[in-house]
Amino acid sequence: MERRAVTVAEIAFTLDHSLLRPEITVKEVIEGCLLAKEYGCVSVCVRPSDLPVVVERLKGSKVLPTTVIAFPHGTASTESKLFEITDAVGMGAAEVDMVMNYARFLSGEFDYVEGEIAKAAERAHQGGALLKVIFENYYLSADQIIRCCGICKRAGADFIKTSTGYAPEGSKIPDLITMVKHSEGMKVKAAGGIRNLDDALAVIATGTSRIGTRSSKAILDEAKQRAEKEELFLYA
């Protein structure tokens, strides 16, 4: 089994610090922005209405303001999703995480799903933002996940993402391995259930580029403590 050393800063730069729970207050959103800047996270991912707060608080930093679209079920109409993307980009979102209409996918309406993602990618790119597409893998088989990867590639998505964190289960290592293998140049994001350093290291070792988690502080504090005693390694 190969291993590669990794730094605390490299771990931090995979983290999209997630502030998506419905009961989070504005005070907690502001605190999350301060945390992300202090720890060097790559982004803060928030509910759309919180974007103005986050854009203002992250101004002058390297941390990206990001948000979610049609969250958490993906069942909004295509036009609603496109409006949400336009609105989010207009407020300053650098990336948008859109939930795929997996109910339509499970209904066999693959052209519908691909067409919607293609329109979403075009709309995001017009505004200079990247599009992440959330599959919600809990409801999909391995073969279906592979098919979703192909749909997203043809549609022009920038990232493919495992889950919202609102299904009964979040990201799983076998699913990440499948997604990375079939990503065809797209980046992969894991979300749901990644709460400690070993979870994060296992995810990064698959070739996954991003981790969505509200446990950024716990992960990075543990990484700093362990790095003081020994090198941090990825095992793949």
C-alpha atoms as a PDB file:
ATOM      1  CA  MET A   1       0.000   0.000   0.000  1.00  0.00           C
ATOM      2  CA  GLU A   2       1.470   3.370  -1.068  1.00  0.00           C
ATOM      3  CA  ARG A   3       1.585   6.318   1.256  1.00  0.00           C
ATOM      4  CA  ARG A   4       2.127  10.042   0.723  1.00  0.00           C
ATOM      5  CA  ALA A   5       2.861  12.741   3.258  1.00  0.00           C
ATOM      6  CA  VAL A   6       0.303  15.541   3.517  1.00  0.00           C
ATOM      7  CA  THR A   7       0.410  18.858   5.370  1.00  0.00           C
ATOM      8  CA  VAL A   8      -2.217  20.480   7.563  1.00  0.00           C
ATOM      9  CA  ALA A   9      -2.517  23.287   5.006  1.00  0.00           C
ATOM     10  CA  GLU A  10      -3.202  20.788   2.218  1.00  0.00           C
ATOM     11  CA  ILE A  11      -5.954  19.188   4.277  1.00  0.00           C
ATOM     12  CA  ALA A  12      -7.463  22.590   5.054  1.00  0.00           C
ATOM     13  CA  PHE A  13      -7.517  23.491   1.366  1.00  0.00           C
ATOM     14  CA  THR A  14      -9.799  20.537   0.611  1.00  0.00           C
ATOM     15  CA  LEU A  15     -12.458  21.721   3.071  1.00  0.00           C
ATOM     16  CA  ASP A  16     -15.650  23.494   2.069  1.00  0.00           C
ATOM     17  CA  HIS A  17     -16.709  24.627   5.536  1.00  0.00           C
ATOM     18  CA  SER A  18     -20.431  23.808   5.573  1.00  0.00           C
ATOM     19  CA  LEU A  19     -22.992  26.068   7.265  1.00  0.00           C
ATOM     20  CA  LEU A  20     -26.208  24.649   5.849  1.00  0.00           C
ATOM     21  CA  ARG A  21     -28.279  23.459   8.791  1.00  0.00           C
ATOM     22  CA  PRO A  22     -31.626  25.274   8.817  1.00  0.00           C
ATOM     23  CA  GLU A  23     -31.281  26.594  12.367  1.00  0.00           C
ATOM     24  CA  ILE A  24     -27.849  28.238  11.985  1.00  0.00           C
ATOM     25  CA  THR A  25     -27.913  31.900  13.006  1.00  0.00           C
ATOM     26  CA  VAL A  26     -26.245  34.836  11.281  1.00  0.00           C
ATOM     27  CA  LYS A  27     -23.842  35.029  14.224  1.00  0.00           C
ATOM     28  CA  GLU A  28     -22.801  31.417  13.562  1.00  0.00           C
ATOM     29  CA  VAL A  29     -22.366  32.163   9.859  1.00  0.00           C
ATOM     30  CA  ILE A  30     -20.025  35.043  10.691  1.00  0.00           C
ATOM     31  CA  GLU A  31     -18.097  32.852  13.127  1.00  0.00           C
ATOM     32  CA  GLY A  32     -17.797  30.211  10.396  1.00  0.00           C
ATOM     33  CA  CYS A  33     -16.261  32.753   8.029  1.00  0.00           C
ATOM     34  CA  LEU A  34     -13.701  33.746  10.661  1.00  0.00           C
ATOM     35  CA  LEU A  35     -12.864  30.081  11.257  1.00  0.00           C
ATOM     36  CA  ALA A  36     -12.421  29.372   7.551  1.00  0.00           C
ATOM     37  CA  LYS A  37     -10.074  32.328   7.152  1.00  0.00           C
ATOM     38  CA  GLU A  38      -8.071  31.410  10.236  1.00  0.00           C
ATOM     39  CA  TYR A  39      -7.690  27.754   9.261  1.00  0.00           C
ATOM     40  CA  GLY A  40      -7.220  28.265   5.504  1.00  0.00           C
ATOM     41  CA  CYS A  41     -10.298  26.394   4.245  1.00  0.00           C
ATOM     42  CA  VAL A  42     -10.947  26.619   0.528  1.00  0.00           C
ATOM     43  CA  SER A  43     -14.539  27.850   0.883  1.00  0.00           C
ATOM     44  CA  VAL A  44     -17.523  28.553   3.089  1.00  0.00           C
ATOM     45  CA  CYS A  45     -20.709  26.926   1.785  1.00  0.00           C
ATOM     46  CA  VAL A  46     -23.909  28.546   3.037  1.00  0.00           C
ATOM     47  CA  ARG A  47     -27.629  28.837   2.415  1.00  0.00           C
ATOM     48  CA  PRO A  48     -28.415  31.278  -0.421  1.00  0.00           C
ATOM     49  CA  SER A  49     -29.857  33.959   1.854  1.00  0.00           C
ATOM     50  CA  ASP A  50     -26.581  34.047   3.791  1.00  0.00           C
ATOM     51  CA  LEU A  51     -24.438  34.820   0.756  1.00  0.00           C
ATOM     52  CA  PRO A  52     -24.340  38.617   1.221  1.00  0.00           C
ATOM     53  CA  VAL A  53     -23.081  38.148   4.782  1.00  0.00           C
ATOM     54  CA  VAL A  54     -20.437  35.660   3.678  1.00  0.00           C
ATOM     55  CA  VAL A  55     -19.267  37.637   0.644  1.00  0.00           C
ATOM     56  CA  GLU A  56     -18.748  40.672   2.858  1.00  0.00           C
ATOM     57  CA  ARG A  57     -16.964  38.735   5.613  1.00  0.00           C
ATOM     58  CA  LEU A  58     -14.659  36.898   3.186  1.00  0.00           C
ATOM     59  CA  LYS A  59     -13.726  40.015   1.223  1.00  0.00           C
ATOM     60  CA  GLY A  60      -9.962  40.313   0.838  1.00  0.00           C
ATOM     61  CA  SER A  61      -9.341  36.659   1.736  1.00  0.00           C
ATOM     62  CA  LYS A  62      -8.650  33.620  -0.452  1.00  0.00           C
ATOM     63  CA  VAL A  63     -11.670  31.752   0.933  1.00  0.00           C
ATOM     64  CA  LEU A  64     -14.398  31.311  -1.664  1.00  0.00           C
ATOM     65  CA  PRO A  65     -18.079  32.088  -0.971  1.00  0.00           C
ATOM     66  CA  THR A  66     -20.227  29.171  -2.165  1.00  0.00           C
ATOM     67  CA  THR A  67     -23.861  28.140  -1.900  1.00  0.00           C
ATOM     68  CA  VAL A  68     -26.379  25.423  -2.709  1.00  0.00           C
ATOM     69  CA  ILE A  69     -29.072  25.203  -5.385  1.00  0.00           C
ATOM     70  CA  ALA A  70     -32.398  23.316  -5.100  1.00  0.00           C
ATOM     71  CA  PHE A  71     -31.200  22.059  -1.744  1.00  0.00           C
ATOM     72  CA  PRO A  72     -31.644  19.468  -0.338  1.00  0.00           C
ATOM     73  CA  HIS A  73     -33.921  17.425  -2.659  1.00  0.00           C
ATOM     74  CA  GLY A  74     -33.213  18.725  -6.164  1.00  0.00           C
ATOM     75  CA  THR A  75     -36.870  18.726  -7.176  1.00  0.00           C
ATOM     76  CA  ALA A  76     -37.211  22.412  -8.103  1.00  0.00           C
ATOM     77  CA  SER A  77     -38.064  23.117 -11.725  1.00  0.00           C
ATOM     78  CA  THR A  78     -35.242  23.770 -14.163  1.00  0.00           C
ATOM     79  CA  GLU A  79     -36.207  27.438 -14.430  1.00  0.00           C
ATOM     80  CA  SER A  80     -36.180  27.772 -10.646  1.00  0.00           C
ATOM     81  CA  LYS A  81     -32.704  26.249 -10.491  1.00  0.00           C
ATOM     82  CA  LEU A  82     -31.458  28.601 -13.193  1.00  0.00           C
ATOM     83  CA  PHE A  83     -32.884  31.593 -11.342  1.00  0.00           C
ATOM     84  CA  GLU A  84     -31.220  30.452  -8.118  1.00  0.00           C
ATOM     85  CA  ILE A  85     -27.879  30.170  -9.926  1.00  0.00           C
ATOM     86  CA  THR A  86     -28.222  33.633 -11.469  1.00  0.00           C
ATOM     87  CA  ASP A  87     -29.195  35.081  -8.100  1.00  0.00           C
ATOM     88  CA  ALA A  88     -26.332  33.335  -6.279  1.00  0.00           C
ATOM     89  CA  VAL A  89     -23.689  34.370  -8.806  1.00  0.00           C
ATOM     90  CA  GLY A  90     -25.044  37.907  -8.751  1.00  0.00           C
ATOM     91  CA  MET A  91     -24.524  37.989  -4.991  1.00  0.00           C
ATOM     92  CA  GLY A  92     -20.944  36.823  -5.378  1.00  0.00           C
ATOM     93  CA  ALA A  93     -20.935  33.014  -5.238  1.00  0.00           C
ATOM     94  CA  ALA A  94     -17.788  31.567  -6.788  1.00  0.00           C
ATOM     95  CA  GLU A  95     -19.203  28.024  -6.875  1.00  0.00           C
ATOM     96  CA  VAL A  96     -22.695  26.548  -6.655  1.00  0.00           C
ATOM     97  CA  ASP A  97     -23.610  23.046  -5.458  1.00  0.00           C
ATOM     98  CA  MET A  98     -26.782  21.991  -7.269  1.00  0.00           C
ATOM     99  CA  VAL A  99     -28.764  18.920  -6.264  1.00  0.00           C
ATOM    100  CA  MET A 100     -29.451  16.719  -9.279  1.00  0.00           C
ATOM    101  CA  ASN A 101     -33.077  15.777  -9.792  1.00  0.00           C
ATOM    102  CA  TYR A 102     -32.367  12.205  -8.756  1.00  0.00           C
ATOM    103  CA  ALA A 103     -36.081  11.395  -8.679  1.00  0.00           C
ATOM    104  CA  ARG A 104     -36.193  12.077 -12.424  1.00  0.00           C
ATOM    105  CA  PHE A 105     -32.986  10.069 -12.858  1.00  0.00           C
ATOM    106  CA  LEU A 106     -34.524   7.120 -10.999  1.00  0.00           C
ATOM    107  CA  SER A 107     -37.555   7.502 -13.272  1.00  0.00           C
ATOM    108  CA  GLY A 108     -35.306   6.884 -16.267  1.00  0.00           C
ATOM    109  CA  GLU A 109     -35.604  10.457 -17.564  1.00  0.00           C
ATOM    110  CA  PHE A 110     -31.906  10.766 -18.347  1.00  0.00           C
ATOM    111  CA  ASP A 111     -32.319  13.366 -21.106  1.00  0.00           C
ATOM    112  CA  TYR A 112     -34.245  15.584 -18.694  1.00  0.00           C
ATOM    113  CA  VAL A 113     -31.488  15.323 -16.086  1.00  0.00           C
ATOM    114  CA  GLU A 114     -28.660  15.914 -18.557  1.00  0.00           C
ATOM    115  CA  GLY A 115     -30.436  18.837 -20.193  1.00  0.00           C
ATOM    116  CA  GLU A 116     -31.046  20.490 -16.835  1.00  0.00           C
ATOM    117  CA  ILE A 117     -27.424  20.094 -15.738  1.00  0.00           C
ATOM    118  CA  ALA A 118     -26.190  21.447 -19.086  1.00  0.00           C
ATOM    119  CA  LYS A 119     -28.333  24.573 -18.685  1.00  0.00           C
ATOM    120  CA  ALA A 120     -27.150  24.969 -15.091  1.00  0.00           C
ATOM    121  CA  ALA A 121     -23.494  24.631 -16.094  1.00  0.00           C
ATOM    122  CA  GLU A 122     -23.924  27.182 -18.856  1.00  0.00           C
ATOM    123  CA  ARG A 123     -25.639  29.633 -16.493  1.00  0.00           C
ATOM    124  CA  ALA A 124     -22.970  29.221 -13.800  1.00  0.00           C
ATOM    125  CA  HIS A 125     -20.121  29.574 -16.280  1.00  0.00           C
ATOM    126  CA  GLN A 126     -21.662  32.698 -17.800  1.00  0.00           C
ATOM    127  CA  GLY A 127     -21.337  34.261 -14.362  1.00  0.00           C
ATOM    128  CA  GLY A 128     -17.785  33.002 -13.838  1.00  0.00           C
ATOM    129  CA  ALA A 129     -18.797  30.360 -11.274  1.00  0.00           C
ATOM    130  CA  LEU A 130     -18.178  26.621 -11.112  1.00  0.00           C
ATOM    131  CA  LEU A 131     -20.965  24.041 -10.917  1.00  0.00           C
ATOM    132  CA  LYS A 132     -20.934  21.078  -8.547  1.00  0.00           C
ATOM    133  CA  VAL A 133     -23.653  18.466  -9.082  1.00  0.00           C
ATOM    134  CA  ILE A 134     -24.863  16.521  -6.039  1.00  0.00           C
ATOM    135  CA  PHE A 135     -25.942  12.943  -6.839  1.00  0.00           C
ATOM    136  CA  GLU A 136     -27.300  11.792  -3.435  1.00  0.00           C
ATOM    137  CA  ASN A 137     -25.602   8.415  -3.712  1.00  0.00           C
ATOM    138  CA  TYR A 138     -27.632   6.784  -0.946  1.00  0.00           C
ATOM    139  CA  TYR A 139     -30.405   6.248  -3.493  1.00  0.00           C
ATOM    140  CA  LEU A 140     -28.152   5.040  -6.321  1.00  0.00           C
ATOM    141  CA  SER A 141     -26.385   1.808  -7.235  1.00  0.00           C
ATOM    142  CA  ALA A 142     -22.753   1.759  -8.364  1.00  0.00           C
ATOM    143  CA  ASP A 143     -23.856   1.436 -12.009  1.00  0.00           C
ATOM    144  CA  GLN A 144     -26.210   4.388 -11.590  1.00  0.00           C
ATOM    145  CA  ILE A 145     -23.426   6.476 -10.073  1.00  0.00           C
ATOM    146  CA  ILE A 146     -21.272   5.713 -13.111  1.00  0.00           C
ATOM    147  CA  ARG A 147     -24.119   6.780 -15.385  1.00  0.00           C
ATOM    148  CA  CYS A 148     -24.487  10.031 -13.431  1.00  0.00           C
ATOM    149  CA  CYS A 149     -20.780  10.698 -13.948  1.00  0.00           C
ATOM    150  CA  GLY A 150     -21.216  10.385 -17.709  1.00  0.00           C
ATOM    151  CA  ILE A 151     -24.259  12.662 -17.704  1.00  0.00           C
ATOM    152  CA  CYS A 152     -22.393  15.345 -15.759  1.00  0.00           C
ATOM    153  CA  LYS A 153     -19.324  15.137 -17.986  1.00  0.00           C
ATOM    154  CA  ARG A 154     -21.383  15.600 -21.147  1.00  0.00           C
ATOM    155  CA  ALA A 155     -23.343  18.426 -19.510  1.00  0.00           C
ATOM    156  CA  GLY A 156     -20.224  20.391 -18.578  1.00  0.00           C
ATOM    157  CA  ALA A 157     -20.221  20.130 -14.769  1.00  0.00           C
ATOM    158  CA  ASP A 158     -17.011  21.027 -12.965  1.00  0.00           C
ATOM    159  CA  PHE A 159     -17.481  18.838  -9.873  1.00  0.00           C
ATOM    160  CA  ILE A 160     -19.505  15.782  -8.971  1.00  0.00           C
ATOM    161  CA  LYS A 161     -20.537  15.415  -5.347  1.00  0.00           C
ATOM    162  CA  THR A 162     -21.718  12.467  -3.279  1.00  0.00           C
ATOM    163  CA  SER A 163     -24.506  13.791  -1.113  1.00  0.00           C
ATOM    164  CA  THR A 164     -26.302  16.630   0.653  1.00  0.00           C
ATOM    165  CA  GLY A 165     -25.896  15.307   4.171  1.00  0.00           C
ATOM    166  CA  TYR A 166     -29.678  15.052   4.451  1.00  0.00           C
ATOM    167  CA  ALA A 167     -30.104  11.471   3.196  1.00  0.00           C
ATOM    168  CA  PRO A 168     -29.867   8.582   5.707  1.00  0.00           C
ATOM    169  CA  GLU A 169     -26.173   8.133   4.774  1.00  0.00           C
ATOM    170  CA  GLY A 170     -23.501  10.451   3.394  1.00  0.00           C
ATOM    171  CA  SER A 171     -20.325   9.761   1.467  1.00  0.00           C
ATOM    172  CA  LYS A 172     -18.791   6.282   1.376  1.00  0.00           C
ATOM    173  CA  ILE A 173     -15.293   5.348   0.263  1.00  0.00           C
ATOM    174  CA  PRO A 174     -16.384   2.779  -2.387  1.00  0.00           C
ATOM    175  CA  ASP A 175     -18.629   5.422  -3.986  1.00  0.00           C
ATOM    176  CA  LEU A 176     -15.786   7.942  -4.011  1.00  0.00           C
ATOM    177  CA  ILE A 177     -13.460   5.451  -5.665  1.00  0.00           C
ATOM    178  CA  THR A 178     -16.104   4.851  -8.343  1.00  0.00           C
ATOM    179  CA  MET A 179     -16.662   8.578  -8.883  1.00  0.00           C
ATOM    180  CA  VAL A 180     -12.949   9.393  -9.128  1.00  0.00           C
ATOM    181  CA  LYS A 181     -12.421   6.525 -11.576  1.00  0.00           C
ATOM    182  CA  HIS A 182     -15.231   7.766 -13.830  1.00  0.00           C
ATOM    183  CA  SER A 183     -14.825  11.518 -13.300  1.00  0.00           C
ATOM    184  CA  GLU A 184     -13.143  12.088 -16.696  1.00  0.00           C
ATOM    185  CA  GLY A 185     -11.467  15.313 -15.622  1.00  0.00           C
ATOM    186  CA  MET A 186     -14.192  16.568 -13.301  1.00  0.00           C
ATOM    187  CA  LYS A 187     -13.294  17.016  -9.644  1.00  0.00           C
ATOM    188  CA  VAL A 188     -15.004  15.004  -6.907  1.00  0.00           C
ATOM    189  CA  LYS A 189     -16.458  16.321  -3.656  1.00  0.00           C
ATOM    190  CA  ALA A 190     -17.445  14.221  -0.641  1.00  0.00           C
ATOM    191  CA  ALA A 191     -20.066  15.358   1.868  1.00  0.00           C
ATOM    192  CA  GLY A 192     -21.922  13.809   4.758  1.00  0.00           C
ATOM    193  CA  GLY A 193     -20.435  12.034   7.761  1.00  0.00           C
ATOM    194  CA  ILE A 194     -16.841  13.289   7.534  1.00  0.00           C
ATOM    195  CA  ARG A 195     -16.202  14.396  11.096  1.00  0.00           C
ATOM    196  CA  ASN A 196     -12.597  13.610  12.062  1.00  0.00           C
ATOM    197  CA  LEU A 197      -9.077  13.582  10.677  1.00  0.00           C
ATOM    198  CA  ASP A 198      -8.991   9.899   9.775  1.00  0.00           C
ATOM    199  CA  ASP A 199     -12.268  10.289   7.875  1.00  0.00           C
ATOM    200  CA  ALA A 200     -10.781  13.208   5.941  1.00  0.00           C
ATOM    201  CA  LEU A 201      -7.488  11.432   5.189  1.00  0.00           C
ATOM    202  CA  ALA A 202      -9.335   8.376   3.892  1.00  0.00           C
ATOM    203  CA  VAL A 203     -11.419  10.561   1.599  1.00  0.00           C
ATOM    204  CA  ILE A 204      -8.451  12.533   0.258  1.00  0.00           C
ATOM    205  CA  ALA A 205      -6.558   9.291  -0.401  1.00  0.00           C
ATOM    206  CA  THR A 206      -9.201   8.293  -2.983  1.00  0.00           C
ATOM    207  CA  GLY A 207      -8.277  11.285  -5.142  1.00  0.00           C
ATOM    208  CA  THR A 208     -11.250  13.322  -3.956  1.00  0.00           C
ATOM    209  CA  SER A 209     -10.542  17.058  -4.221  1.00  0.00           C
ATOM    210  CA  ARG A 210     -13.070  18.562  -1.820  1.00  0.00           C
ATOM    211  CA  ILE A 211     -14.771  17.704   1.436  1.00  0.00           C
ATOM    212  CA  GLY A 212     -17.948  19.376   2.610  1.00  0.00           C
ATOM    213  CA  THR A 213     -18.114  19.291   6.398  1.00  0.00           C
ATOM    214  CA  ARG A 214     -19.211  21.341   9.373  1.00  0.00           C
ATOM    215  CA  SER A 215     -16.430  19.669  11.393  1.00  0.00           C
ATOM    216  CA  SER A 216     -13.571  21.671   9.858  1.00  0.00           C
ATOM    217  CA  LYS A 217     -12.267  22.905  13.208  1.00  0.00           C
ATOM    218  CA  ALA A 218     -12.248  19.439  14.770  1.00  0.00           C
ATOM    219  CA  ILE A 219     -10.493  17.932  11.736  1.00  0.00           C
ATOM    220  CA  LEU A 220      -7.837  20.620  11.532  1.00  0.00           C
ATOM    221  CA  ASP A 221      -7.211  20.867  15.264  1.00  0.00           C
ATOM    222  CA  GLU A 222      -6.623  17.119  15.292  1.00  0.00           C
ATOM    223  CA  ALA A 223      -4.356  17.447  12.246  1.00  0.00           C
ATOM    224  CA  LYS A 224      -2.258  20.139  13.934  1.00  0.00           C
ATOM    225  CA  GLN A 225      -1.922  18.103  17.111  1.00  0.00           C
ATOM    226  CA  ARG A 226      -0.910  14.956  15.262  1.00  0.00           C
ATOM    227  CA  ALA A 227       1.484  16.830  12.960  1.00  0.00           C
ATOM    228  CA  GLU A 228       3.397  18.070  16.005  1.00  0.00           C
ATOM    229  CA  LYS A 229       4.201  14.447  16.870  1.00  0.00           C
ATOM    230  CA  GLU A 230       4.486  12.739  13.491  1.00  0.00           C
ATOM    231  CA  GLU A 231       4.026  13.221   9.758  1.00  0.00           C
ATOM    232  CA  LEU A 232       0.542  12.921   8.326  1.00  0.00           C
ATOM    233  CA  PHE A 233       0.127  10.348   5.575  1.00  0.00           C
ATOM    234  CA  LEU A 234      -2.434   9.381   2.989  1.00  0.00           C
ATOM    235  CA  TYR A 235      -2.719   5.637   2.382  1.00  0.00           C
ATOM    236  CA  ALA A 236      -3.958   4.581  -1.040  1.00  0.00           C
END
